[in-house]
C-alpha atoms as a PDB file:
ATOM      1  CA  MET A   1      -0.149  -0.138  -0.125  1.00  0.00           C
ATOM      2  CA  PRO A   2       1.508   3.421  -1.022  1.00  0.00           C
ATOM      3  CA  GLN A   3       2.393   5.548   1.777  1.00  0.00           C
ATOM      4  CA  ASP A   4       0.639   8.962   1.691  1.00  0.00           C
ATOM      5  CA  PHE A   5       1.870  12.334  -0.102  1.00  0.00           C
ATOM      6  CA  ASN A   6       3.950  14.094   2.263  1.00  0.00           C
ATOM      7  CA  TRP A   7       2.738  17.851   0.994  1.00  0.00           C
ATOM      8  CA  ILE A   8       6.267  19.144   1.935  1.00  0.00           C
ATOM      9  CA  ASP A   9       7.865  17.305  -1.464  1.00  0.00           C
ATOM     10  CA  TYR A  10       6.095  20.014  -3.202  1.00  0.00           C
ATOM     11  CA  LEU A  11       8.095  23.010  -1.442  1.00  0.00           C
ATOM     12  CA  ASN A  12      11.313  20.601  -1.888  1.00  0.00           C
ATOM     13  CA  LEU A  13      10.811  20.618  -5.618  1.00  0.00           C
ATOM     14  CA  ALA A  14      10.663  23.866  -5.903  1.00  0.00           C
ATOM     15  CA  GLU A  15      13.348  24.307  -3.758  1.00  0.00           C
ATOM     16  CA  ASN A  16      15.349  21.777  -6.594  1.00  0.00           C
ATOM     17  CA  LEU A  17      13.835  23.937  -9.277  1.00  0.00           C
ATOM     18  CA  ILE A  18      14.987  27.255  -8.010  1.00  0.00           C
ATOM     19  CA  ALA A  19      18.601  25.911  -7.862  1.00  0.00           C
ATOM     20  CA  GLY A  20      18.659  24.263 -11.327  1.00  0.00           C
ATOM     21  CA  SER A  21      20.023  25.833 -13.932  1.00  0.00           C
ATOM     22  CA  ASN A  22      19.665  23.083 -17.096  1.00  0.00           C
ATOM     23  CA  ILE A  23      16.508  24.457 -18.403  1.00  0.00           C
ATOM     24  CA  SER A  24      15.945  26.696 -21.385  1.00  0.00           C
ATOM     25  CA  THR A  25      15.577  30.135 -21.208  1.00  0.00           C
ATOM     26  CA  GLU A  26      11.915  30.192 -22.825  1.00  0.00           C
ATOM     27  CA  LEU A  27      10.928  27.936 -20.321  1.00  0.00           C
ATOM     28  CA  GLU A  28      11.949  29.866 -17.262  1.00  0.00           C
ATOM     29  CA  GLU A  29       8.747  31.937 -16.508  1.00  0.00           C
ATOM     30  CA  ALA A  30       6.818  28.730 -16.896  1.00  0.00           C
ATOM     31  CA  LYS A  31       9.396  27.028 -13.910  1.00  0.00           C
ATOM     32  CA  LEU A  32       9.501  30.013 -12.070  1.00  0.00           C
ATOM     33  CA  ARG A  33       5.645  30.137 -12.043  1.00  0.00           C
ATOM     34  CA  SER A  34       5.561  26.299 -11.344  1.00  0.00           C
ATOM     35  CA  ILE A  35       7.781  27.105  -7.735  1.00  0.00           C
ATOM     36  CA  VAL A  36       5.523  29.766  -6.458  1.00  0.00           C
ATOM     37  CA  SER A  37       2.685  27.162  -7.651  1.00  0.00           C
ATOM     38  CA  ARG A  38       4.468  24.092  -5.717  1.00  0.00           C
ATOM     39  CA  ALA A  39       5.289  25.894  -2.617  1.00  0.00           C
ATOM     40  CA  TYR A  40       2.022  27.682  -1.897  1.00  0.00           C
ATOM     41  CA  TYR A  41       0.387  23.885  -2.533  1.00  0.00           C
ATOM     42  CA  ALA A  42       2.958  22.548   0.322  1.00  0.00           C
ATOM     43  CA  VAL A  43       1.919  25.088   3.104  1.00  0.00           C
ATOM     44  CA  TYR A  44      -1.838  25.285   1.994  1.00  0.00           C
ATOM     45  CA  HIS A  45      -1.665  21.169   2.623  1.00  0.00           C
ATOM     46  CA  LYS A  46      -0.216  21.276   5.347  1.00  0.00           C
ATOM     47  CA  ALA A  47      -1.902  24.115   7.109  1.00  0.00           C
ATOM     48  CA  ARG A  48      -5.040  22.175   5.356  1.00  0.00           C
ATOM     49  CA  THR A  49      -4.456  19.191   7.384  1.00  0.00           C
ATOM     50  CA  LEU A  50      -3.839  20.697  11.030  1.00  0.00           C
ATOM     51  CA  LEU A  51      -7.218  22.567  10.707  1.00  0.00           C
ATOM     52  CA  GLU A  52      -9.259  19.037   9.858  1.00  0.00           C
ATOM     53  CA  GLU A  53      -7.322  16.483  11.477  1.00  0.00           C
ATOM     54  CA  GLU A  54      -6.177  18.112  14.724  1.00  0.00           C
ATOM     55  CA  LEU A  55      -8.706  20.646  15.209  1.00  0.00           C
ATOM     56  CA  GLY A  56     -11.687  19.335  13.264  1.00  0.00           C
ATOM     57  CA  VAL A  57     -12.512  21.996  11.274  1.00  0.00           C
ATOM     58  CA  LEU A  58     -14.636  21.299   8.100  1.00  0.00           C
ATOM     59  CA  ILE A  59     -13.626  22.809   4.828  1.00  0.00           C
ATOM     60  CA  ARG A  60     -16.034  22.891   2.188  1.00  0.00           C
ATOM     61  CA  PRO A  61     -14.618  21.343  -0.895  1.00  0.00           C
ATOM     62  CA  ASP A  62     -15.358  24.432  -3.462  1.00  0.00           C
ATOM     63  CA  HIS A  63     -14.176  26.694  -0.996  1.00  0.00           C
ATOM     64  CA  SER A  64     -10.785  25.000   0.148  1.00  0.00           C
ATOM     65  CA  HIS A  65      -8.619  27.391   0.599  1.00  0.00           C
ATOM     66  CA  THR A  66     -10.468  30.547   1.630  1.00  0.00           C
ATOM     67  CA  ASP A  67     -11.874  28.236   4.461  1.00  0.00           C
ATOM     68  CA  VAL A  68      -8.353  27.410   5.433  1.00  0.00           C
ATOM     69  CA  ILE A  69      -7.438  31.303   5.365  1.00  0.00           C
ATOM     70  CA  GLU A  70     -10.337  32.325   7.481  1.00  0.00           C
ATOM     71  CA  GLY A  71      -9.813  29.108   9.922  1.00  0.00           C
ATOM     72  CA  TYR A  72      -6.304  30.669  10.857  1.00  0.00           C
ATOM     73  CA  ILE A  73      -7.522  34.413  10.705  1.00  0.00           C
ATOM     74  CA  ASN A  74      -9.972  33.428  12.926  1.00  0.00           C
ATOM     75  CA  GLY A  75      -8.209  31.031  14.990  1.00  0.00           C
ATOM     76  CA  GLY A  76      -7.273  32.378  18.053  1.00  0.00           C
ATOM     77  CA  ASP A  77      -3.646  33.843  18.636  1.00  0.00           C
ATOM     78  CA  ARG A  78      -0.604  35.664  16.940  1.00  0.00           C
ATOM     79  CA  ASN A  79       0.617  32.187  15.478  1.00  0.00           C
ATOM     80  CA  TYR A  80      -2.713  31.281  14.048  1.00  0.00           C
ATOM     81  CA  LEU A  81      -3.285  35.085  12.336  1.00  0.00           C
ATOM     82  CA  ASP A  82       0.500  34.732  11.221  1.00  0.00           C
ATOM     83  CA  VAL A  83      -0.486  31.615   9.423  1.00  0.00           C
ATOM     84  CA  GLY A  84      -3.737  33.274   7.975  1.00  0.00           C
ATOM     85  CA  LYS A  85      -2.181  36.328   6.947  1.00  0.00           C
ATOM     86  CA  ARG A  86       0.971  34.577   5.105  1.00  0.00           C
ATOM     87  CA  LEU A  87      -1.513  31.988   3.717  1.00  0.00           C
ATOM     88  CA  GLU A  88      -3.652  34.750   1.617  1.00  0.00           C
ATOM     89  CA  SER A  89      -0.921  36.214   0.748  1.00  0.00           C
ATOM     90  CA  LEU A  90       0.944  33.665  -1.114  1.00  0.00           C
ATOM     91  CA  TYR A  91      -3.192  32.346  -2.473  1.00  0.00           C
ATOM     92  CA  ASN A  92      -2.957  35.496  -3.953  1.00  0.00           C
ATOM     93  CA  THR A  93       0.549  35.133  -5.221  1.00  0.00           C
ATOM     94  CA  ARG A  94      -0.070  31.744  -6.544  1.00  0.00           C
ATOM     95  CA  LYS A  95      -3.869  32.708  -8.437  1.00  0.00           C
ATOM     96  CA  ASP A  96      -1.453  35.085 -10.071  1.00  0.00           C
ATOM     97  CA  ALA A  97       1.535  33.014 -11.348  1.00  0.00           C
ATOM     98  CA  ASP A  98      -1.637  30.252 -12.371  1.00  0.00           C
ATOM     99  CA  TYR A  99      -3.867  32.615 -13.796  1.00  0.00           C
ATOM    100  CA  GLU A 100      -2.666  36.011 -15.223  1.00  0.00           C
ATOM    101  CA  LYS A 101      -0.830  36.257 -18.343  1.00  0.00           C
ATOM    102  CA  ASN A 102       0.358  39.507 -17.778  1.00  0.00           C
ATOM    103  CA  MET A 103       2.019  38.834 -14.555  1.00  0.00           C
ATOM    104  CA  TYR A 104       6.229  38.257 -14.000  1.00  0.00           C
ATOM    105  CA  ILE A 105       7.847  36.632 -11.414  1.00  0.00           C
ATOM    106  CA  ASN A 106      11.632  36.803 -11.576  1.00  0.00           C
ATOM    107  CA  GLN A 107      14.403  34.564  -9.496  1.00  0.00           C
ATOM    108  CA  ILE A 108      14.288  36.983  -6.522  1.00  0.00           C
ATOM    109  CA  LYS A 109      10.555  36.855  -6.086  1.00  0.00           C
ATOM    110  CA  ALA A 110      10.827  32.973  -6.307  1.00  0.00           C
ATOM    111  CA  GLN A 111      12.685  32.714  -3.981  1.00  0.00           C
ATOM    112  CA  GLU A 112      11.314  35.186  -1.300  1.00  0.00           C
ATOM    113  CA  ILE A 113       8.003  32.327  -1.997  1.00  0.00           C
ATOM    114  CA  ILE A 114      10.255  29.866  -0.835  1.00  0.00           C
ATOM    115  CA  ILE A 115      11.496  31.608   2.070  1.00  0.00           C
ATOM    116  CA  ASN A 116       7.863  32.702   3.019  1.00  0.00           C
ATOM    117  CA  CYS A 117       6.591  29.303   2.780  1.00  0.00           C
ATOM    118  CA  ARG A 118       9.388  27.439   5.144  1.00  0.00           C
ATOM    119  CA  GLN A 119       8.396  30.324   7.805  1.00  0.00           C
ATOM    120  CA  THR A 120       4.981  29.780   7.518  1.00  0.00           C
ATOM    121  CA  LEU A 121       5.805  26.209   8.277  1.00  0.00           C
ATOM    122  CA  LYS A 122       7.491  27.075  11.147  1.00  0.00           C
ATOM    123  CA  ILE A 123       4.718  28.646  12.298  1.00  0.00           C
ATOM    124  CA  ILE A 124       2.672  25.719  11.486  1.00  0.00           C
ATOM    125  CA  LYS A 125       5.310  23.662  13.734  1.00  0.00           C
ATOM    126  CA  ILE A 126       4.681  25.452  16.891  1.00  0.00           C
ATOM    127  CA  ILE A 127       0.884  25.956  16.536  1.00  0.00           C
ATOM    128  CA  GLU A 128       1.489  21.544  16.253  1.00  0.00           C
ATOM    129  CA  LYS A 129       3.805  21.437  19.077  1.00  0.00           C
ATOM    130  CA  SER A 130       0.721  23.696  21.246  1.00  0.00           C
ATOM    131  CA  LEU A 131      -1.648  21.219  20.559  1.00  0.00           C
ATOM    132  CA  HIS A 132       0.516  17.878  22.006  1.00  0.00           C
ATOM    133  CA  PRO A 133       2.862  19.874  24.732  1.00  0.00           C
END
């Protein structure tokens, strides 16, 4: 039986993509947009799993991204709020990367997204630890 997918592997993939330079120039923008998308989904799924499995929050399939964001923004303490605000910003950037043809992402912006995602995951880890002292 296959193991559950490790959502953090999306962020690991994004980091590998940004570190790699063996891609043609015409695919560079697609690579950077993919980095933003994969990095966001690593954080989104980790955050969603915590809300659903640890806190029993119901996430509606047709509103899942906003439900997760609002679940953290309205979740209580400063760490929850921080995760919610970061997720909201990452979500908007991911939507632009996936759907806006006139958006431009450069290496620096993609690296900033990866750093933001790693920081957000650290805060999620703090929340997890607070649930199981």
